[in-house]
PDB file of all heavy atoms in Angstrom:
ATOM      1  N   LEU A   1      -9.887  11.623  16.429  1.00  0.00           N
ATOM      2  CA  LEU A   1     -10.997  12.555  16.285  1.00  0.00           C
ATOM      3  C   LEU A   1     -11.714  12.317  14.961  1.00  0.00           C
ATOM      4  O   LEU A   1     -11.084  11.979  13.955  1.00  0.00           O
ATOM      5  CB  LEU A   1     -10.499  13.995  16.355  1.00  0.00           C
ATOM      6  CG  LEU A   1      -9.740  14.429  17.620  1.00  0.00           C
ATOM      7  CD1 LEU A   1      -9.339  15.890  17.509  1.00  0.00           C
ATOM      8  CD2 LEU A   1     -10.587  14.207  18.853  1.00  0.00           C
ATOM      9  N   LYS A   2     -13.005  12.536  14.951  1.00  0.00           N
ATOM     10  CA  LYS A   2     -13.766  12.340  13.729  1.00  0.00           C
ATOM     11  C   LYS A   2     -13.275  13.261  12.619  1.00  0.00           C
ATOM     12  O   LYS A   2     -13.238  12.867  11.443  1.00  0.00           O
ATOM     13  CB  LYS A   2     -15.257  12.552  13.999  1.00  0.00           C
ATOM     14  CG  LYS A   2     -15.904  11.426  14.784  1.00  0.00           C
ATOM     15  CD  LYS A   2     -17.411  11.649  14.919  1.00  0.00           C
ATOM     16  CE  LYS A   2     -18.072  10.479  15.651  1.00  0.00           C
ATOM     17  NZ  LYS A   2     -19.533  10.668  15.797  1.00  0.00           N
ATOM     18  N   GLY A   3     -12.943  14.500  12.972  1.00  0.00           N
ATOM     19  CA  GLY A   3     -12.432  15.430  11.972  1.00  0.00           C
ATOM     20  C   GLY A   3     -11.137  14.941  11.351  1.00  0.00           C
ATOM     21  O   GLY A   3     -10.914  15.105  10.153  1.00  0.00           O
ATOM     22  N   GLN A   4     -10.282  14.355  12.151  1.00  0.00           N
ATOM     23  CA  GLN A   4      -9.029  13.794  11.641  1.00  0.00           C
ATOM     24  C   GLN A   4      -9.299  12.623  10.696  1.00  0.00           C
ATOM     25  O   GLN A   4      -8.625  12.479   9.669  1.00  0.00           O
ATOM     26  CB  GLN A   4      -8.151  13.351  12.822  1.00  0.00           C
ATOM     27  CG  GLN A   4      -7.660  14.494  13.689  1.00  0.00           C
ATOM     28  CD  GLN A   4      -6.982  14.014  14.957  1.00  0.00           C
ATOM     29  OE1 GLN A   4      -7.066  12.845  15.332  1.00  0.00           O
ATOM     30  NE2 GLN A   4      -6.304  14.922  15.636  1.00  0.00           N
ATOM     31  N   GLN A   5     -10.278  11.815  11.046  1.00  0.00           N
ATOM     32  CA  GLN A   5     -10.634  10.690  10.179  1.00  0.00           C
ATOM     33  C   GLN A   5     -11.160  11.177   8.822  1.00  0.00           C
ATOM     34  O   GLN A   5     -10.826  10.624   7.775  1.00  0.00           O
ATOM     35  CB  GLN A   5     -11.691   9.820  10.845  1.00  0.00           C
ATOM     36  CG  GLN A   5     -11.180   9.105  12.083  1.00  0.00           C
ATOM     37  CD  GLN A   5     -12.295   8.390  12.803  1.00  0.00           C
ATOM     38  OE1 GLN A   5     -13.293   8.001  12.210  1.00  0.00           O
ATOM     39  NE2 GLN A   5     -12.136   8.194  14.104  1.00  0.00           N
ATOM     40  N   GLY A   6     -11.958  12.241   8.857  1.00  0.00           N
ATOM     41  CA  GLY A   6     -12.480  12.795   7.612  1.00  0.00           C
ATOM     42  C   GLY A   6     -11.383  13.337   6.713  1.00  0.00           C
ATOM     43  O   GLY A   6     -11.422  13.155   5.497  1.00  0.00           O
ATOM     44  N   TRP A   7     -10.401  14.002   7.314  1.00  0.00           N
ATOM     45  CA  TRP A   7      -9.290  14.540   6.563  1.00  0.00           C
ATOM     46  C   TRP A   7      -8.490  13.407   5.925  1.00  0.00           C
ATOM     47  O   TRP A   7      -8.105  13.467   4.762  1.00  0.00           O
ATOM     48  CB  TRP A   7      -8.395  15.368   7.497  1.00  0.00           C
ATOM     49  CG  TRP A   7      -7.731  16.559   6.873  1.00  0.00           C
ATOM     50  CD1 TRP A   7      -8.141  17.859   6.969  1.00  0.00           C
ATOM     51  CD2 TRP A   7      -6.524  16.578   6.109  1.00  0.00           C
ATOM     52  NE1 TRP A   7      -7.253  18.681   6.302  1.00  0.00           N
ATOM     53  CE2 TRP A   7      -6.262  17.908   5.753  1.00  0.00           C
ATOM     54  CE3 TRP A   7      -5.646  15.591   5.658  1.00  0.00           C
ATOM     55  CZ2 TRP A   7      -5.153  18.293   5.003  1.00  0.00           C
ATOM     56  CZ3 TRP A   7      -4.541  15.951   4.900  1.00  0.00           C
ATOM     57  CH2 TRP A   7      -4.309  17.290   4.577  1.00  0.00           C
ATOM     58  N   TYR A   8      -8.256  12.370   6.691  1.00  0.00           N
ATOM     59  CA  TYR A   8      -7.538  11.185   6.206  1.00  0.00           C
ATOM     60  C   TYR A   8      -8.252  10.581   5.001  1.00  0.00           C
ATOM     61  O   TYR A   8      -7.635  10.259   3.984  1.00  0.00           O
ATOM     62  CB  TYR A   8      -7.451  10.194   7.375  1.00  0.00           C
ATOM     63  CG  TYR A   8      -6.943   8.799   7.061  1.00  0.00           C
ATOM     64  CD1 TYR A   8      -5.589   8.497   7.128  1.00  0.00           C
ATOM     65  CD2 TYR A   8      -7.837   7.771   6.746  1.00  0.00           C
ATOM     66  CE1 TYR A   8      -5.131   7.209   6.903  1.00  0.00           C
ATOM     67  CE2 TYR A   8      -7.381   6.483   6.514  1.00  0.00           C
ATOM     68  CZ  TYR A   8      -6.022   6.201   6.595  1.00  0.00           C
ATOM     69  OH  TYR A   8      -5.573   4.923   6.348  1.00  0.00           O
ATOM     70  N   THR A   9      -9.549  10.408   5.140  1.00  0.00           N
ATOM     71  CA  THR A   9     -10.329   9.823   4.048  1.00  0.00           C
ATOM     72  C   THR A   9     -10.246  10.674   2.782  1.00  0.00           C
ATOM     73  O   THR A   9     -10.069  10.151   1.661  1.00  0.00           O
ATOM     74  CB  THR A   9     -11.806   9.671   4.465  1.00  0.00           C
ATOM     75  OG1 THR A   9     -11.878   8.836   5.631  1.00  0.00           O
ATOM     76  CG2 THR A   9     -12.642   9.063   3.363  1.00  0.00           C
ATOM     77  N   LYS A  10     -10.348  11.985   2.947  1.00  0.00           N
ATOM     78  CA  LYS A  10     -10.304  12.890   1.806  1.00  0.00           C
ATOM     79  C   LYS A  10      -8.923  12.866   1.144  1.00  0.00           C
ATOM     80  O   LYS A  10      -8.803  12.905  -0.089  1.00  0.00           O
ATOM     81  CB  LYS A  10     -10.675  14.294   2.243  1.00  0.00           C
ATOM     82  CG  LYS A  10     -10.917  15.273   1.095  1.00  0.00           C
ATOM     83  CD  LYS A  10     -11.435  16.605   1.603  1.00  0.00           C
ATOM     84  CE  LYS A  10     -11.671  17.572   0.436  1.00  0.00           C
ATOM     85  NZ  LYS A  10     -12.155  18.885   0.933  1.00  0.00           N
ATOM     86  N   TYR A  11      -7.885  12.821   1.960  1.00  0.00           N
ATOM     87  CA  TYR A  11      -6.524  12.763   1.399  1.00  0.00           C
ATOM     88  C   TYR A  11      -6.358  11.520   0.532  1.00  0.00           C
ATOM     89  O   TYR A  11      -5.874  11.588  -0.598  1.00  0.00           O
ATOM     90  CB  TYR A  11      -5.482  12.762   2.517  1.00  0.00           C
ATOM     91  CG  TYR A  11      -4.080  12.449   2.032  1.00  0.00           C
ATOM     92  CD1 TYR A  11      -3.265  13.439   1.512  1.00  0.00           C
ATOM     93  CD2 TYR A  11      -3.560  11.146   2.094  1.00  0.00           C
ATOM     94  CE1 TYR A  11      -1.971  13.161   1.066  1.00  0.00           C
ATOM     95  CE2 TYR A  11      -2.297  10.849   1.637  1.00  0.00           C
ATOM     96  CZ  TYR A  11      -1.501  11.857   1.124  1.00  0.00           C
ATOM     97  OH  TYR A  11      -0.236  11.569   0.667  1.00  0.00           O
ATOM     98  N   TRP A  12      -6.759  10.364   1.048  1.00  0.00           N
ATOM     99  CA  TRP A  12      -6.555   9.126   0.309  1.00  0.00           C
ATOM    100  C   TRP A  12      -7.472   8.988  -0.903  1.00  0.00           C
ATOM    101  O   TRP A  12      -7.201   8.181  -1.799  1.00  0.00           O
ATOM    102  CB  TRP A  12      -6.704   7.915   1.241  1.00  0.00           C
ATOM    103  CG  TRP A  12      -5.482   7.730   2.095  1.00  0.00           C
ATOM    104  CD1 TRP A  12      -5.376   7.945   3.435  1.00  0.00           C
ATOM    105  CD2 TRP A  12      -4.193   7.333   1.646  1.00  0.00           C
ATOM    106  NE1 TRP A  12      -4.098   7.719   3.867  1.00  0.00           N
ATOM    107  CE2 TRP A  12      -3.342   7.310   2.772  1.00  0.00           C
ATOM    108  CE3 TRP A  12      -3.663   6.981   0.417  1.00  0.00           C
ATOM    109  CZ2 TRP A  12      -1.999   6.959   2.718  1.00  0.00           C
ATOM    110  CZ3 TRP A  12      -2.312   6.621   0.349  1.00  0.00           C
ATOM    111  CH2 TRP A  12      -1.505   6.617   1.472  1.00  0.00           C
ATOM    112  N   ALA A  13      -8.508   9.818  -0.961  1.00  0.00           N
ATOM    113  CA  ALA A  13      -9.360   9.853  -2.155  1.00  0.00           C
ATOM    114  C   ALA A  13      -8.794  10.794  -3.224  1.00  0.00           C
ATOM    115  O   ALA A  13      -9.331  10.839  -4.344  1.00  0.00           O
ATOM    116  CB  ALA A  13     -10.770  10.279  -1.783  1.00  0.00           C
ATOM    117  N   SER A  14      -7.728  11.522  -2.900  1.00  0.00           N
ATOM    118  CA  SER A  14      -7.182  12.527  -3.812  1.00  0.00           C
ATOM    119  C   SER A  14      -6.490  11.881  -5.007  1.00  0.00           C
ATOM    120  O   SER A  14      -5.949  10.762  -4.921  1.00  0.00           O
ATOM    121  CB  SER A  14      -6.163  13.396  -3.079  1.00  0.00           C
ATOM    122  OG  SER A  14      -6.764  14.096  -2.010  1.00  0.00           O
ATOM    123  N   LYS A  15      -6.484  12.640  -6.096  1.00  0.00           N
ATOM    124  CA  LYS A  15      -5.731  12.268  -7.276  1.00  0.00           C
ATOM    125  C   LYS A  15      -4.834  13.424  -7.689  1.00  0.00           C
ATOM    126  O   LYS A  15      -5.182  14.582  -7.520  1.00  0.00           O
ATOM    127  CB  LYS A  15      -6.659  11.872  -8.423  1.00  0.00           C
ATOM    128  CG  LYS A  15      -7.413  10.582  -8.186  1.00  0.00           C
ATOM    129  CD  LYS A  15      -8.173  10.133  -9.428  1.00  0.00           C
ATOM    130  CE  LYS A  15      -8.829   8.776  -9.179  1.00  0.00           C
ATOM    131  NZ  LYS A  15      -9.546   8.294 -10.390  1.00  0.00           N
ATOM    132  N   VAL A  16      -3.686  13.082  -8.207  1.00  0.00           N
ATOM    133  CA  VAL A  16      -2.765  14.074  -8.749  1.00  0.00           C
ATOM    134  C   VAL A  16      -2.598  13.732 -10.220  1.00  0.00           C
ATOM    135  O   VAL A  16      -2.075  12.660 -10.568  1.00  0.00           O
ATOM    136  CB  VAL A  16      -1.410  14.060  -8.018  1.00  0.00           C
ATOM    137  CG1 VAL A  16      -0.500  15.153  -8.570  1.00  0.00           C
ATOM    138  CG2 VAL A  16      -1.609  14.256  -6.516  1.00  0.00           C
ATOM    139  N   GLY A  17      -3.020  14.634 -11.080  1.00  0.00           N
ATOM    140  CA  GLY A  17      -3.172  14.263 -12.464  1.00  0.00           C
ATOM    141  C   GLY A  17      -4.292  13.238 -12.532  1.00  0.00           C
ATOM    142  O   GLY A  17      -5.380  13.439 -12.021  1.00  0.00           O
ATOM    143  N   ARG A  18      -4.031  12.112 -13.110  1.00  0.00           N
ATOM    144  CA  ARG A  18      -5.033  11.042 -13.155  1.00  0.00           C
ATOM    145  C   ARG A  18      -4.688   9.897 -12.229  1.00  0.00           C
ATOM    146  O   ARG A  18      -5.352   8.858 -12.239  1.00  0.00           O
ATOM    147  CB  ARG A  18      -5.170  10.532 -14.585  1.00  0.00           C
ATOM    148  CG  ARG A  18      -5.713  11.579 -15.544  1.00  0.00           C
ATOM    149  CD  ARG A  18      -5.934  10.975 -16.925  1.00  0.00           C
ATOM    150  NE  ARG A  18      -6.505  11.963 -17.842  1.00  0.00           N
ATOM    151  CZ  ARG A  18      -6.821  11.701 -19.103  1.00  0.00           C
ATOM    152  NH1 ARG A  18      -6.629  10.469 -19.601  1.00  0.00           N
ATOM    153  NH2 ARG A  18      -7.347  12.635 -19.871  1.00  0.00           N
ATOM    154  N   LYS A  19      -3.639  10.082 -11.404  1.00  0.00           N
ATOM    155  CA  LYS A  19      -3.186   9.000 -10.525  1.00  0.00           C
ATOM    156  C   LYS A  19      -3.699   9.195  -9.106  1.00  0.00           C
ATOM    157  O   LYS A  19      -3.728  10.317  -8.589  1.00  0.00           O
ATOM    158  CB  LYS A  19      -1.656   8.931 -10.500  1.00  0.00           C
ATOM    159  CG  LYS A  19      -1.013   8.429 -11.779  1.00  0.00           C
ATOM    160  CD  LYS A  19       0.489   8.305 -11.564  1.00  0.00           C
ATOM    161  CE  LYS A  19       1.186   7.734 -12.780  1.00  0.00           C
ATOM    162  NZ  LYS A  19       2.652   7.586 -12.543  1.00  0.00           N
ATOM    163  N   SER A  20      -4.057   8.076  -8.468  1.00  0.00           N
ATOM    164  CA  SER A  20      -4.359   8.103  -7.039  1.00  0.00           C
ATOM    165  C   SER A  20      -3.103   8.529  -6.275  1.00  0.00           C
ATOM    166  O   SER A  20      -1.974   8.152  -6.639  1.00  0.00           O
ATOM    167  CB  SER A  20      -4.800   6.727  -6.570  1.00  0.00           C
ATOM    168  OG  SER A  20      -4.794   6.652  -5.163  1.00  0.00           O
ATOM    169  N   VAL A  21      -3.297   9.277  -5.199  1.00  0.00           N
ATOM    170  CA  VAL A  21      -2.148   9.655  -4.381  1.00  0.00           C
ATOM    171  C   VAL A  21      -1.415   8.423  -3.874  1.00  0.00           C
ATOM    172  O   VAL A  21      -0.194   8.466  -3.611  1.00  0.00           O
ATOM    173  CB  VAL A  21      -2.591  10.587  -3.225  1.00  0.00           C
ATOM    174  CG1 VAL A  21      -3.416   9.812  -2.196  1.00  0.00           C
ATOM    175  CG2 VAL A  21      -1.394  11.250  -2.572  1.00  0.00           C
ATOM    176  N   ALA A  22      -2.130   7.306  -3.750  1.00  0.00           N
ATOM    177  CA  ALA A  22      -1.501   6.064  -3.281  1.00  0.00           C
ATOM    178  C   ALA A  22      -0.395   5.587  -4.209  1.00  0.00           C
ATOM    179  O   ALA A  22       0.516   4.876  -3.779  1.00  0.00           O
ATOM    180  CB  ALA A  22      -2.562   4.969  -3.131  1.00  0.00           C
ATOM    181  N   ALA A  23      -0.466   5.967  -5.490  1.00  0.00           N
ATOM    182  CA  ALA A  23       0.535   5.530  -6.457  1.00  0.00           C
ATOM    183  C   ALA A  23       1.904   6.133  -6.165  1.00  0.00           C
ATOM    184  O   ALA A  23       2.919   5.652  -6.670  1.00  0.00           O
ATOM    185  CB  ALA A  23       0.097   5.900  -7.864  1.00  0.00           C
ATOM    186  N   PHE A  24       1.943   7.184  -5.347  1.00  0.00           N
ATOM    187  CA  PHE A  24       3.185   7.901  -5.104  1.00  0.00           C
ATOM    188  C   PHE A  24       3.878   7.524  -3.799  1.00  0.00           C
ATOM    189  O   PHE A  24       4.929   8.096  -3.476  1.00  0.00           O
ATOM    190  CB  PHE A  24       2.928   9.417  -5.130  1.00  0.00           C
ATOM    191  CG  PHE A  24       2.439   9.916  -6.462  1.00  0.00           C
ATOM    192  CD1 PHE A  24       1.090  10.116  -6.692  1.00  0.00           C
ATOM    193  CD2 PHE A  24       3.333  10.171  -7.489  1.00  0.00           C
ATOM    194  CE1 PHE A  24       0.637  10.569  -7.917  1.00  0.00           C
ATOM    195  CE2 PHE A  24       2.897  10.617  -8.726  1.00  0.00           C
ATOM    196  CZ  PHE A  24       1.532  10.828  -8.943  1.00  0.00           C
ATOM    197  N   VAL A  25       3.295   6.600  -3.032  1.00  0.00           N
ATOM    198  CA  VAL A  25       3.912   6.214  -1.758  1.00  0.00           C
ATOM    199  C   VAL A  25       4.127   4.719  -1.694  1.00  0.00           C
ATOM    200  O   VAL A  25       3.424   3.941  -2.348  1.00  0.00           O
ATOM    201  CB  VAL A  25       3.068   6.671  -0.542  1.00  0.00           C
ATOM    202  CG1 VAL A  25       2.882   8.187  -0.568  1.00  0.00           C
ATOM    203  CG2 VAL A  25       1.713   5.967  -0.507  1.00  0.00           C
ATOM    204  N   ASN A  26       5.099   4.312  -0.896  1.00  0.00           N
ATOM    205  CA  ASN A  26       5.373   2.885  -0.660  1.00  0.00           C
ATOM    206  C   ASN A  26       4.761   2.384   0.621  1.00  0.00           C
ATOM    207  O   ASN A  26       4.553   1.180   0.788  1.00  0.00           O
ATOM    208  CB  ASN A  26       6.886   2.651  -0.609  1.00  0.00           C
ATOM    209  CG  ASN A  26       7.594   3.087  -1.870  1.00  0.00           C
ATOM    210  OD1 ASN A  26       8.263   4.114  -1.893  1.00  0.00           O
ATOM    211  ND2 ASN A  26       7.421   2.346  -2.956  1.00  0.00           N
ATOM    212  N   VAL A  27       4.501   3.309   1.571  1.00  0.00           N
ATOM    213  CA  VAL A  27       4.044   2.926   2.898  1.00  0.00           C
ATOM    214  C   VAL A  27       2.925   3.860   3.344  1.00  0.00           C
ATOM    215  O   VAL A  27       3.002   5.085   3.137  1.00  0.00           O
ATOM    216  CB  VAL A  27       5.212   3.006   3.911  1.00  0.00           C
ATOM    217  CG1 VAL A  27       4.714   2.707   5.335  1.00  0.00           C
ATOM    218  CG2 VAL A  27       6.332   2.058   3.534  1.00  0.00           C
ATOM    219  N   VAL A  28       1.898   3.315   3.968  1.00  0.00           N
ATOM    220  CA  VAL A  28       0.831   4.080   4.607  1.00  0.00           C
ATOM    221  C   VAL A  28       1.228   4.307   6.071  1.00  0.00           C
ATOM    222  O   VAL A  28       1.753   3.391   6.724  1.00  0.00           O
ATOM    223  CB  VAL A  28      -0.514   3.320   4.537  1.00  0.00           C
ATOM    224  CG1 VAL A  28      -1.601   4.056   5.302  1.00  0.00           C
ATOM    225  CG2 VAL A  28      -0.906   3.101   3.092  1.00  0.00           C
ATOM    226  N   ALA A  29       0.977   5.523   6.604  1.00  0.00           N
ATOM    227  CA  ALA A  29       1.388   5.841   7.974  1.00  0.00           C
ATOM    228  C   ALA A  29       0.199   6.338   8.790  1.00  0.00           C
ATOM    229  O   ALA A  29      -0.566   7.194   8.326  1.00  0.00           O
ATOM    230  CB  ALA A  29       2.494   6.877   7.982  1.00  0.00           C
ATOM    231  N   VAL A  30       0.065   5.803   9.991  1.00  0.00           N
ATOM    232  CA  VAL A  30      -0.945   6.265  10.944  1.00  0.00           C
ATOM    233  C   VAL A  30      -0.291   6.458  12.309  1.00  0.00           C
ATOM    234  O   VAL A  30       0.708   5.810  12.615  1.00  0.00           O
ATOM    235  CB  VAL A  30      -2.120   5.262  11.056  1.00  0.00           C
ATOM    236  CG1 VAL A  30      -2.975   5.278   9.801  1.00  0.00           C
ATOM    237  CG2 VAL A  30      -1.613   3.831  11.323  1.00  0.00           C
ATOM    238  N   ASN A  31      -0.852   7.354  13.098  1.00  0.00           N
ATOM    239  CA  ASN A  31      -0.426   7.538  14.484  1.00  0.00           C
ATOM    240  C   ASN A  31      -1.585   7.110  15.364  1.00  0.00           C
ATOM    241  O   ASN A  31      -2.562   7.862  15.517  1.00  0.00           O
ATOM    242  CB  ASN A  31      -0.056   9.000  14.756  1.00  0.00           C
ATOM    243  CG  ASN A  31       1.200   9.425  14.027  1.00  0.00           C
ATOM    244  OD1 ASN A  31       1.887   8.595  13.406  1.00  0.00           O
ATOM    245  ND2 ASN A  31       1.510  10.707  14.069  1.00  0.00           N
TER     246      ASN A  31
END
């Protein structure tokens, strides 16, 4: 769904502190 894609994009654009959320995971997951 387009809404699901938008949520996904927003999540991966997130930062915690000054770090990308990607810095905290080893694997990307999709269904």
